[in-house]
Protein backbone atom coordinates (compact mmCIF):
# COMPACT_ATOMS: atom_id res chain seq x y z
CA MET A 1 17.11 11.32 65.95
CA ALA A 2 17.66 10.84 62.22
CA PRO A 3 15.76 7.99 60.57
CA PHE A 4 18.85 5.93 59.76
CA GLU A 5 20.06 6.39 63.35
CA PHE A 6 16.75 5.09 64.65
CA ILE A 7 17.08 1.98 62.51
CA GLN A 8 20.71 1.40 63.49
CA TYR A 9 20.63 2.17 67.20
CA VAL A 10 17.05 1.35 68.20
CA ALA A 11 15.26 -0.98 65.78
CA LEU A 12 18.14 -3.32 65.00
CA GLU A 13 19.53 -3.40 68.53
CA GLN A 14 16.17 -4.13 70.13
CA LEU A 15 15.38 -6.72 67.47
CA ASP A 16 18.59 -8.61 68.19
CA ALA A 17 18.10 -8.29 71.94
CA LEU A 18 14.67 -9.94 71.75
CA ALA A 19 15.49 -12.54 69.10
CA ILE A 20 18.84 -13.63 70.54
CA ASP A 21 19.23 -12.74 74.21
CA GLY A 22 15.52 -12.70 75.01
CA THR A 23 14.88 -16.07 73.38
CA SER A 24 17.80 -17.83 75.04
CA ARG A 25 16.93 -16.42 78.46
CA ALA A 26 13.22 -17.21 78.13
CA LEU A 27 13.87 -20.82 77.12
CA ALA A 28 16.77 -21.56 79.45
CA GLY A 29 14.34 -22.56 82.18
CA PHE A 30 13.09 -25.45 80.03
CA ALA A 31 16.46 -27.09 79.42
CA THR A 32 15.95 -29.83 82.04
CA ILE A 33 12.23 -30.56 81.83
CA ALA A 34 12.80 -34.29 81.21
CA GLU A 35 14.77 -34.57 84.44
CA GLU A 36 12.19 -32.45 86.26
CA ALA A 37 9.41 -34.72 85.06
CA ASP A 38 11.28 -37.82 86.24
CA ALA A 39 11.79 -36.22 89.64
CA TYR A 40 8.12 -35.29 89.80
CA GLY A 41 7.09 -38.85 89.03
CA ASN A 42 9.42 -40.14 91.75
CA ARG A 43 7.94 -37.72 94.28
CA MET A 44 4.45 -38.86 93.37
CA PHE A 45 5.47 -42.50 93.81
CA GLU A 46 6.95 -41.77 97.23
CA SER A 47 3.80 -39.92 98.29
CA TYR A 48 1.61 -42.86 97.21
CA VAL A 49 3.76 -45.32 99.16
CA GLN A 50 3.62 -43.19 102.29
CA ALA A 51 -0.14 -42.80 101.98
CA VAL A 52 -1.01 -46.50 101.68
CA GLY A 53 1.41 -48.04 104.12
CA GLU A 54 2.08 -51.73 103.53
CA ARG A 55 0.41 -52.22 100.11
CA ASP A 56 2.64 -53.38 97.26
CA PRO A 57 4.44 -50.25 95.93
CA GLY A 58 4.22 -51.74 92.45
CA ASP A 59 0.50 -51.01 92.50
CA PHE A 60 1.30 -47.32 92.15
CA ALA A 61 4.34 -47.37 89.86
CA ASP A 62 2.34 -46.97 86.65
CA GLU A 63 0.24 -44.15 88.11
CA ALA A 64 3.34 -42.30 89.29
CA ARG A 65 4.95 -42.77 85.87
CA ASP A 66 1.85 -41.41 84.18
CA GLN A 67 1.96 -38.38 86.47
CA GLY A 68 5.55 -37.76 85.43
CA VAL A 69 4.65 -38.01 81.74
CA GLN A 70 1.73 -35.61 82.16
CA TYR A 71 4.02 -33.14 83.92
CA TYR A 72 6.51 -33.37 81.05
CA VAL A 73 3.75 -32.72 78.49
CA LEU A 74 2.56 -29.72 80.51
CA LEU A 75 6.05 -28.17 80.56
CA SER A 76 6.68 -29.02 76.91
CA ASN A 77 3.42 -27.33 75.87
CA LEU A 78 4.29 -24.32 78.01
CA ARG A 79 7.65 -24.04 76.28
CA GLN A 80 5.96 -24.21 72.87
CA GLY A 81 3.47 -21.54 73.89
CA ILE A 82 6.35 -19.25 74.88
CA VAL A 83 8.12 -19.81 71.56
CA ASN A 84 4.87 -18.95 69.77
CA LEU A 85 4.54 -15.84 71.93
CA LEU A 86 8.13 -14.79 71.16
CA ALA A 87 7.32 -14.98 67.44
CA ALA A 88 4.32 -12.70 67.94
CA GLY A 89 6.53 -10.39 69.99
CA LEU A 90 9.02 -10.10 67.14
CA TYR A 91 6.30 -8.91 64.80
CA HIS A 92 4.84 -6.40 67.21
CA LEU A 93 8.29 -5.04 68.00
CA TYR A 94 8.80 -4.52 64.26
CA GLU A 95 5.35 -2.92 64.02
CA GLN A 96 6.12 -0.46 66.82
CA HIS A 97 9.46 0.44 65.24
CA ARG A 98 7.77 0.94 61.87
CA GLU A 99 5.19 3.33 63.34
CA LYS A 100 7.86 5.26 65.25
CA LEU A 101 9.91 5.60 62.08
CA LYS A 102 6.86 6.95 60.26
CA LEU A 103 6.54 9.65 62.92
CA ILE A 104 10.20 10.58 62.65
CA LEU A 105 9.87 10.88 58.88
CA THR A 106 6.62 12.85 59.13
CA ASP A 107 8.24 15.33 61.52
CA SER A 108 10.87 16.03 58.89
CA GLY A 109 8.31 16.39 56.11
CA ARG A 110 8.99 13.00 54.55
CA ALA A 111 6.98 9.84 53.95
CA MET A 112 7.86 6.22 54.61
CA PRO A 113 9.15 4.57 51.42
CA PRO A 114 7.05 1.58 50.31
CA LEU A 115 8.20 -1.56 52.09
CA GLU A 116 6.54 -4.16 49.87
CA LYS A 117 9.47 -4.43 47.43
CA LEU A 118 12.21 -4.54 50.04
CA GLY A 119 14.17 -7.63 50.96
CA GLY A 120 12.56 -9.67 53.73
CA TRP A 121 9.05 -8.34 53.11
CA ALA A 122 7.42 -11.70 52.24
CA LYS A 123 8.77 -13.35 55.39
CA VAL A 124 7.69 -10.40 57.53
CA GLU A 125 4.20 -10.71 56.06
CA GLU A 126 4.23 -14.38 56.99
CA LEU A 127 5.18 -13.33 60.50
CA ARG A 128 2.23 -10.93 60.56
CA HIS A 129 -0.14 -13.81 59.90
CA LEU A 130 1.64 -15.85 62.53
CA ALA A 131 1.32 -13.10 65.14
CA ASN A 132 -2.40 -12.80 64.41
CA THR A 133 -2.79 -16.56 64.72
CA VAL A 134 -1.03 -16.58 68.09
CA LYS A 135 -3.38 -13.86 69.34
CA HIS A 136 -6.68 -14.86 67.76
CA ALA A 137 -6.32 -18.58 66.99
CA GLU A 138 -8.49 -19.70 64.04
CA GLY A 139 -9.37 -16.97 61.57
CA PRO A 140 -8.25 -15.43 58.26
CA SER A 141 -4.59 -15.22 59.27
CA ALA A 142 -4.53 -18.83 60.48
CA ARG A 143 -6.03 -19.98 57.18
CA GLU A 144 -3.49 -17.97 55.17
CA LEU A 145 -0.62 -19.19 57.34
CA ARG A 146 -1.82 -22.79 56.93
CA ARG A 147 -1.70 -22.24 53.17
CA ILE A 148 1.87 -20.91 53.07
CA ARG A 149 3.38 -22.73 56.08
CA PRO A 150 1.34 -25.88 56.78
CA ASP A 151 4.26 -27.39 58.69
CA LEU A 152 3.68 -24.89 61.52
CA PHE A 153 0.41 -26.65 62.36
CA VAL A 154 1.81 -30.19 62.56
CA PRO A 155 3.10 -31.47 65.92
CA PRO A 156 6.75 -32.55 65.53
CA VAL A 157 5.96 -36.13 66.62
CA THR A 158 3.39 -36.58 63.83
CA LYS A 159 5.32 -35.11 60.90
CA ARG A 160 5.64 -37.50 57.96
CA SER A 161 3.10 -39.83 59.53
CA PRO A 162 -0.54 -40.64 58.67
CA LEU A 163 -1.57 -38.23 61.44
CA GLU A 164 -0.09 -35.23 59.62
CA GLU A 165 -3.18 -34.74 57.45
CA HIS A 166 -5.41 -34.87 60.51
CA ALA A 167 -3.36 -32.11 62.16
CA LEU A 168 -3.74 -29.89 59.10
CA ARG A 169 -7.53 -30.28 59.16
CA ARG A 170 -7.88 -29.27 62.80
CA ALA A 171 -8.93 -25.77 63.75
CA THR A 172 -6.31 -23.72 65.56
CA GLU A 173 -7.79 -23.17 69.00
CA ASN A 174 -4.94 -22.96 71.50
CA PRO A 175 -1.67 -21.56 70.10
CA LEU A 176 -0.71 -19.95 73.41
CA GLY A 177 -1.28 -23.30 75.11
CA GLY A 178 1.35 -24.81 72.84
CA THR A 179 -0.89 -27.47 71.29
CA ASP A 180 -1.98 -26.12 67.88
CA LEU A 181 0.94 -24.09 66.53
CA PHE A 182 4.54 -25.24 66.48
CA VAL A 183 7.01 -22.43 65.84
CA THR A 184 10.64 -23.52 66.29
CA GLU A 185 13.69 -21.63 67.46
CA ALA A 186 14.98 -21.87 63.89
CA ASP A 187 11.80 -20.13 62.73
CA LEU A 188 12.41 -17.33 65.24
CA GLN A 189 15.86 -16.72 63.82
CA LYS A 190 14.55 -16.72 60.24
CA TYR A 191 11.94 -14.12 61.17
CA ARG A 192 14.56 -12.04 62.91
CA ASP A 193 16.78 -12.25 59.81
CA ALA A 194 13.88 -11.16 57.58
CA ILE A 195 13.09 -8.11 59.73
CA ARG A 196 16.78 -7.23 59.86
CA GLN A 197 17.00 -7.57 56.07
CA LEU A 198 14.02 -5.28 55.64
CA TRP A 199 15.48 -2.60 57.91
CA GLU A 200 18.87 -2.82 56.24
CA SER A 201 17.25 -2.58 52.79
CA LEU A 202 15.33 0.51 53.92
CA ARG A 203 18.24 2.35 55.49
CA PRO A 204 19.91 3.49 52.22
CA LEU A 205 16.58 4.93 51.03
CA LEU A 206 16.46 7.29 54.01
CA GLY A 207 19.64 9.16 53.25
């Protein structure tokens, strides 16, 4: 396979499949978590009533409601962890394609052109730090990412509030748990666009 064919028919197609189809399919199961949490709270309330017989059901309403809220938080964090994981997956897919392209070029006696000056490079480098943060939590990449994208470390509910500074001072301990890193679907598409831009900038250099 020629290098430009690999970019066109493998790298770009798989990139779009993961970033578009993969993302929508992975997140579709979280579309109704609010309703699921309400239903869970109702089931808990019914189970409490059945367990205690004639006691006032109101005694258990707050507990059942709290159980529903906790279930919603659990699902919401799980969704966030999956979005974070999808971002890491985008980078590692790019990385695998890059290494395969190097092999194709080497087999034909050529070298990979430098990527650092191509369109999209800076955003792909940001994604590299993000992928490392998802995998390793606090460390050099997390610190660099916090420098260039501090908003990724602030929970959406605390943005533009006094708690925002506190969030930025916290160590990143649990990005796969969805509680310390907050990649959005819009971020995923921007990373996908940056990788696509890089590949499309590289293609003319390969002949």
